[in-house]
Protein backbone atom coordinates (compact mmCIF):
# COMPACT_ATOMS: atom_id res chain seq x y z
CA MET A 1 136.10 -29.01 -128.19
CA ASP A 2 135.99 -31.69 -125.79
CA VAL A 3 136.76 -30.30 -122.30
CA VAL A 4 139.77 -32.99 -121.82
CA ALA A 5 141.15 -32.02 -125.19
CA GLU A 6 140.85 -27.90 -124.69
CA ARG A 7 143.20 -28.29 -121.47
CA TRP A 8 145.61 -30.30 -122.90
CA PHE A 9 145.42 -27.95 -125.74
CA ALA A 10 146.06 -25.00 -123.03
CA ARG A 11 149.39 -27.10 -121.88
CA ARG A 12 150.50 -28.58 -124.39
CA THR A 13 150.45 -26.66 -127.13
CA TRP A 14 153.27 -24.01 -128.13
CA GLN A 15 152.11 -21.56 -130.88
CA GLU A 16 155.43 -19.73 -130.67
CA PRO A 17 158.76 -22.21 -129.77
CA PRO A 18 160.68 -20.91 -127.24
CA TRP A 19 163.77 -22.75 -127.00
CA SER A 20 167.03 -21.56 -128.56
CA VAL A 21 169.74 -24.46 -130.37
CA ALA A 22 171.76 -23.68 -127.33
CA GLU A 23 169.42 -24.26 -124.26
CA LEU A 24 168.15 -27.89 -126.60
CA VAL A 25 171.77 -28.60 -126.84
CA ALA A 26 172.14 -28.04 -122.44
CA ALA A 27 168.89 -29.68 -122.32
CA LYS A 28 169.98 -33.03 -123.93
CA ARG A 29 171.79 -33.86 -120.94
CA GLY A 30 173.63 -37.10 -123.08
CA ARG A 31 170.74 -37.70 -125.55
CA ARG A 32 171.14 -38.79 -128.87
CA VAL A 33 169.08 -36.98 -131.37
CA SER A 34 168.26 -38.57 -134.89
CA VAL A 35 166.70 -36.58 -137.76
CA VAL A 36 165.23 -39.05 -140.52
CA LEU A 37 164.14 -38.39 -143.98
CA PRO A 38 162.07 -41.30 -145.27
CA ALA A 39 162.38 -40.69 -149.11
CA LEU A 40 161.06 -42.04 -152.42
CA ASP A 41 161.90 -40.28 -156.24
CA GLU A 42 162.86 -36.80 -154.39
CA GLU A 43 165.88 -35.97 -156.03
CA ALA A 44 164.11 -32.57 -156.53
CA THR A 45 163.58 -31.59 -153.01
CA VAL A 46 165.80 -33.93 -150.58
CA GLY A 47 168.93 -32.08 -151.25
CA ALA A 48 167.87 -29.14 -149.99
CA ILE A 49 166.43 -30.33 -147.17
CA VAL A 50 169.53 -32.48 -146.23
CA ALA A 51 171.51 -28.69 -146.63
CA ALA A 52 169.51 -26.71 -144.84
CA ILE A 53 169.76 -29.33 -140.88
CA VAL A 54 173.57 -30.25 -141.43
CA PRO A 55 174.75 -27.22 -139.90
CA LEU A 56 172.48 -28.74 -136.88
CA THR A 57 174.68 -31.81 -136.94
CA GLN A 58 178.49 -29.45 -136.69
CA GLY A 59 180.28 -28.16 -133.94
CA PHE A 60 181.49 -29.18 -130.54
CA ALA A 61 178.25 -29.99 -128.77
CA PRO A 62 175.91 -30.47 -131.95
CA LEU A 63 171.86 -30.48 -131.67
CA VAL A 64 171.55 -33.43 -133.96
CA ASP A 65 174.19 -36.14 -133.56
CA GLU A 66 173.09 -38.16 -136.90
CA LEU A 67 171.04 -37.10 -139.81
CA VAL A 68 169.87 -40.14 -142.21
CA VAL A 69 168.05 -40.38 -144.76
CA VAL A 70 165.90 -44.24 -145.36
CA ASP A 71 165.51 -44.19 -149.25
CA SER A 72 162.10 -46.50 -149.94
CA GLY A 73 163.45 -48.12 -153.34
CA SER A 74 163.82 -44.75 -155.58
CA THR A 75 164.15 -44.84 -159.46
CA ASP A 76 165.92 -41.59 -159.63
CA ARG A 77 168.75 -39.44 -158.53
CA THR A 78 167.55 -39.50 -154.92
CA ILE A 79 170.21 -41.12 -152.92
CA GLU A 80 173.07 -39.62 -154.49
CA VAL A 81 171.59 -35.92 -154.26
CA ALA A 82 170.91 -36.62 -150.22
CA ALA A 83 174.27 -38.11 -149.83
CA ALA A 84 175.77 -35.41 -151.68
CA ALA A 85 173.91 -32.65 -149.62
CA GLY A 86 175.68 -34.38 -145.94
CA ALA A 87 172.99 -37.13 -145.32
CA ARG A 88 174.18 -40.69 -144.30
CA VAL A 89 171.45 -43.12 -146.98
CA VAL A 90 169.68 -45.74 -146.10
CA ARG A 91 168.27 -48.47 -148.23
CA ARG A 92 165.25 -50.15 -146.75
CA THR A 93 167.15 -53.41 -147.88
CA GLU A 94 169.82 -52.88 -145.81
CA VAL A 95 167.59 -52.50 -142.51
CA VAL A 96 166.51 -55.51 -140.87
CA PRO A 97 167.30 -57.56 -144.59
CA GLU A 98 166.25 -60.72 -143.07
CA LEU A 99 162.57 -59.25 -143.78
CA GLU A 100 161.67 -58.43 -147.33
CA PRO A 101 160.03 -54.44 -147.23
CA TRP A 102 156.62 -53.89 -148.04
CA PRO A 103 156.16 -50.91 -149.66
CA GLY A 104 154.97 -47.61 -147.77
CA LYS A 105 156.11 -44.70 -145.88
CA GLY A 106 155.13 -46.83 -142.51
CA GLU A 107 157.58 -49.56 -143.35
CA VAL A 108 160.64 -47.22 -143.89
CA LEU A 109 160.07 -45.20 -140.79
CA TRP A 110 159.93 -48.53 -139.11
CA ARG A 111 163.02 -49.59 -140.37
CA ALA A 112 164.67 -45.84 -139.14
CA LEU A 113 164.71 -47.30 -135.96
CA ALA A 114 167.20 -49.73 -136.85
CA ALA A 115 169.03 -47.94 -138.67
CA THR A 116 169.64 -45.04 -135.99
CA THR A 117 170.89 -44.76 -132.53
CA GLY A 118 168.71 -41.53 -131.20
CA ASP A 119 166.86 -41.83 -127.85
CA VAL A 120 164.98 -38.61 -130.26
CA LEU A 121 163.63 -39.35 -133.21
CA CYS A 122 162.63 -36.46 -135.46
CA TYR A 123 160.89 -37.57 -138.59
CA ILE A 124 160.72 -35.00 -141.74
CA ASP A 125 159.38 -35.84 -144.92
CA SER A 126 161.90 -35.46 -147.63
CA ASP A 127 159.36 -33.47 -150.56
CA LEU A 128 158.95 -30.26 -148.60
CA VAL A 129 159.54 -26.96 -150.33
CA ASP A 130 161.00 -23.97 -148.99
CA PHE A 131 162.14 -25.97 -145.89
CA ASP A 132 163.07 -23.88 -142.72
CA PRO A 133 165.19 -26.09 -140.66
CA ALA A 134 164.45 -24.40 -137.90
CA PHE A 135 161.52 -27.18 -137.72
CA VAL A 136 164.17 -29.41 -135.88
CA PRO A 137 164.38 -27.49 -132.58
CA ALA A 138 161.07 -26.91 -132.79
CA LEU A 139 159.75 -30.55 -132.71
CA LEU A 140 162.60 -30.92 -130.62
CA GLY A 141 161.83 -28.73 -127.74
CA PRO A 142 159.42 -30.71 -125.45
CA LEU A 143 160.80 -34.09 -125.73
CA LEU A 144 164.15 -32.50 -124.21
CA VAL A 145 163.05 -29.71 -122.02
CA GLU A 146 159.64 -31.20 -120.48
CA ASP A 147 158.83 -34.25 -118.96
CA GLY A 148 156.68 -36.75 -119.72
CA VAL A 149 156.72 -35.91 -123.37
CA HIS A 150 157.39 -38.76 -125.84
CA LEU A 151 155.23 -37.59 -129.15
CA VAL A 152 155.29 -34.22 -130.58
CA LYS A 153 153.49 -33.06 -133.50
CA GLY A 154 154.20 -30.34 -135.83
CA PHE A 155 151.63 -28.21 -136.70
CA TYR A 156 151.57 -25.20 -139.79
CA ARG A 157 149.62 -23.59 -142.70
CA ARG A 158 149.10 -26.00 -145.53
CA PRO A 159 148.99 -24.13 -149.02
CA LEU A 160 146.80 -26.10 -151.43
CA ARG A 161 149.39 -24.51 -154.05
CA LEU A 162 152.86 -23.37 -153.90
CA GLU A 163 152.27 -20.22 -155.18
CA THR A 164 149.60 -19.16 -152.86
CA THR A 165 148.94 -15.90 -151.26
CA GLU A 166 148.89 -16.13 -147.19
CA ALA A 167 145.04 -16.58 -147.26
CA ASP A 168 144.92 -19.91 -148.76
CA THR A 169 145.02 -22.61 -146.14
CA GLY A 170 142.97 -25.29 -148.81
CA GLY A 171 145.76 -28.78 -147.82
CA GLY A 172 144.68 -31.12 -145.79
CA ARG A 173 142.10 -32.07 -146.95
CA VAL A 174 141.71 -35.77 -145.61
CA THR A 175 142.21 -34.24 -142.30
CA GLU A 176 139.53 -31.88 -142.10
CA LEU A 177 137.25 -33.94 -144.35
CA LEU A 178 138.12 -37.57 -142.74
CA VAL A 179 140.79 -37.73 -139.39
CA ARG A 180 139.08 -34.98 -137.52
CA PRO A 181 134.96 -36.00 -137.52
CA LEU A 182 136.70 -39.37 -136.88
CA LEU A 183 138.62 -38.24 -133.91
CA ALA A 184 135.53 -36.40 -132.46
CA ALA A 185 133.28 -39.56 -132.95
CA LEU A 186 135.98 -42.31 -131.47
CA ARG A 187 138.60 -40.31 -130.01
CA PRO A 188 137.26 -36.86 -128.47
CA GLU A 189 140.18 -36.46 -126.28
CA LEU A 190 142.83 -35.94 -129.32
CA ALA A 191 140.38 -33.32 -131.08
CA GLY A 192 143.01 -30.42 -130.20
CA VAL A 193 145.79 -31.92 -132.42
CA VAL A 194 145.95 -29.69 -135.05
CA GLN A 195 147.31 -31.99 -137.53
CA PRO A 196 147.35 -35.52 -137.00
CA LEU A 197 148.38 -36.92 -140.40
CA GLY A 198 151.30 -34.51 -139.93
CA GLY A 199 154.79 -36.11 -141.69
CA GLU A 200 156.95 -33.25 -138.72
CA TYR A 201 156.79 -34.94 -135.47
CA ALA A 202 159.42 -36.19 -132.78
CA GLY A 203 159.32 -38.79 -130.62
CA SER A 204 161.34 -40.99 -127.68
CA ARG A 205 162.70 -44.11 -128.87
CA GLU A 206 161.17 -45.02 -125.51
CA LEU A 207 157.73 -45.06 -126.70
CA LEU A 208 158.38 -45.20 -130.88
CA GLU A 209 159.94 -48.73 -130.06
CA SER A 210 157.09 -49.87 -128.43
CA LEU A 211 154.37 -49.04 -130.78
CA PRO A 212 153.29 -51.17 -134.43
CA PHE A 213 153.47 -48.95 -137.44
CA ALA A 214 151.34 -49.09 -140.28
CA ALA A 215 153.06 -49.89 -143.60
CA GLY A 216 151.33 -47.36 -145.83
CA TYR A 217 149.43 -43.90 -144.75
CA GLY A 218 148.08 -44.55 -141.70
CA VAL A 219 151.29 -45.10 -139.90
CA GLU A 220 150.87 -41.40 -138.31
CA ILE A 221 147.32 -42.13 -137.07
CA GLY A 222 148.56 -45.09 -135.81
CA LEU A 223 151.38 -43.51 -134.00
CA LEU A 224 149.31 -41.20 -132.34
CA LEU A 225 146.46 -43.32 -131.31
CA ASP A 226 148.49 -45.90 -129.77
CA ALA A 227 150.79 -43.06 -128.16
CA HIS A 228 147.34 -41.68 -126.23
CA ALA A 229 146.29 -45.35 -125.38
CA THR A 230 149.28 -46.29 -123.91
CA ARG A 231 150.74 -43.45 -122.47
CA GLY A 232 148.00 -40.56 -121.85
CA LEU A 233 147.34 -37.57 -123.34
CA ASP A 234 150.16 -35.61 -121.85
CA ALA A 235 152.61 -37.79 -123.55
CA ILE A 236 151.86 -35.95 -126.34
CA ALA A 237 152.78 -32.25 -127.24
CA GLN A 238 152.46 -30.11 -130.42
CA VAL A 239 154.22 -27.13 -131.81
CA ASN A 240 153.51 -24.34 -134.65
CA LEU A 241 155.88 -24.60 -137.41
CA GLY A 242 154.21 -21.63 -139.20
CA VAL A 243 154.37 -22.81 -143.53
CA ARG A 244 154.63 -26.25 -144.73
CA LYS A 245 155.23 -26.34 -148.41
CA HIS A 246 154.89 -29.80 -150.49
CA ARG A 247 153.41 -31.29 -153.27
CA ASN A 248 149.32 -32.06 -153.56
CA ARG A 249 148.33 -34.98 -154.60
CA SER A 250 144.81 -35.55 -156.68
CA LEU A 251 141.62 -36.08 -155.16
CA LEU A 252 141.59 -40.01 -156.13
CA GLN A 253 145.08 -40.64 -154.83
CA LEU A 254 143.73 -38.64 -151.51
CA GLY A 255 140.70 -40.90 -151.78
CA VAL A 256 143.26 -44.47 -151.49
CA MET A 257 145.07 -42.15 -148.86
CA ALA A 258 142.03 -41.53 -146.87
CA ARG A 259 140.95 -45.60 -147.26
CA GLN A 260 143.88 -46.83 -145.73
CA ILE A 261 144.03 -43.68 -142.52
CA LEU A 262 140.42 -45.27 -142.02
CA ALA A 263 141.42 -48.62 -141.41
CA ALA A 264 144.07 -48.14 -139.67
CA THR A 265 141.70 -45.63 -137.33
CA LEU A 266 138.85 -48.19 -136.77
CA GLN A 267 141.31 -51.02 -136.02
CA HIS A 268 143.20 -49.36 -133.50
CA CYS A 269 139.69 -47.91 -132.08
CA GLY A 270 138.46 -51.48 -131.98
CA VAL A 271 136.03 -51.12 -134.85
CA PRO A 272 135.44 -53.25 -137.13
CA ASP A 273 136.15 -52.89 -140.76
CA ALA A 274 135.13 -55.03 -143.54
CA GLY A 275 138.22 -54.74 -145.34
CA ALA A 276 136.81 -53.87 -148.89
CA ALA A 277 138.84 -52.62 -151.81
CA LEU A 278 138.26 -48.95 -152.21
CA THR A 279 136.21 -48.47 -155.44
CA GLN A 280 136.86 -45.26 -157.30
CA PHE A 281 135.33 -44.33 -160.83
CA VAL A 282 137.69 -42.88 -164.33
CA GLN A 283 136.75 -41.54 -166.82
CA VAL A 284 138.31 -43.86 -170.45
CA GLY A 285 137.04 -42.45 -173.83
CA GLY A 286 134.05 -40.73 -172.52
CA GLU A 287 132.74 -43.87 -170.50
CA TRP A 288 132.77 -44.27 -166.40
CA LEU A 289 134.84 -47.48 -165.32
CA PRO A 290 135.24 -48.81 -161.78
CA SER A 291 139.32 -48.76 -160.52
CA ALA A 292 139.57 -50.90 -157.65
CA THR A 293 142.80 -50.22 -154.81
CA PRO A 294 142.97 -52.93 -152.17
CA VAL A 295 143.11 -51.50 -149.03
CA VAL A 296 146.33 -51.59 -146.98
CA VAL A 297 146.11 -52.53 -143.06
CA ALA A 298 149.45 -54.79 -142.28
CA GLU A 299 151.66 -53.37 -139.10
CA ARG A 300 155.24 -54.23 -138.60
CA PRO A 301 155.58 -55.34 -135.28
CA PRO A 302 156.57 -52.94 -132.57
CA MET A 303 160.77 -52.95 -133.11
CA ARG A 304 161.50 -53.86 -129.41
CA GLU A 305 160.10 -57.30 -130.06
CA VAL A 306 161.81 -57.79 -133.65
CA ARG A 307 165.37 -56.71 -132.06
CA VAL A 308 165.25 -59.42 -129.19
CA ARG A 309 164.42 -62.33 -131.51
């Protein structure tokens, strides 16, 4: 590991998050906390996640001030299930309504900045299984307790199968096969980040509103690279969340994801990208036929710039 990355890892990594909820409530010092779940057709899982977080919103001095599900155009019962479980649900078309919504996760994460009031935001994916609400205080800890931290990434063991054994860690294939080699080549100071693409992270509004958001799968790597470039390595921290279980995607789906992530990484590192579509091959009637998917490179500008227009 790069020497700079190794020193950062020792300073800014928490293998066992030590903070209690009561300690973090005291550390808020008037700051508001928003938890955001981006959702697209997640009726099977979103309700249990919301219900697990709701107790953190209750009481005289709650840790979480608002719990918001931002829906990305679901066609199932995601909205009804999330609302019944206790979340405030916002449709993407209701936030920054003057802009036609783009498809992609990054779009709803960006719009969530305008839909919430927290000084600190915590993003949690809505497709998790056996969700542990301790994710939330663990991610908030460095932001509320440590000086100078603006982005906290969660890391975890990612089983390839939901019913897996303890030894199975086959998830995170795009990270291991693409992103980690890219960071080693282009931004070695970030080599100590265990899960650069992880969907569970928290950030200060000050940071998040100052950065562009990729519309698609490049959003997480773009935010990480930009946080490093604009605030420095010590503005980033990471915490061990234990185990994260969710649906895993096919290799063809992962290929499309990897192409978007590659495009975002090159763009944010100042490296030219030809912008060509990703060509994959599928079998139809015993024949191998090409299938091309355009690369998504669109980004929303920093929310700070949109709000002052």
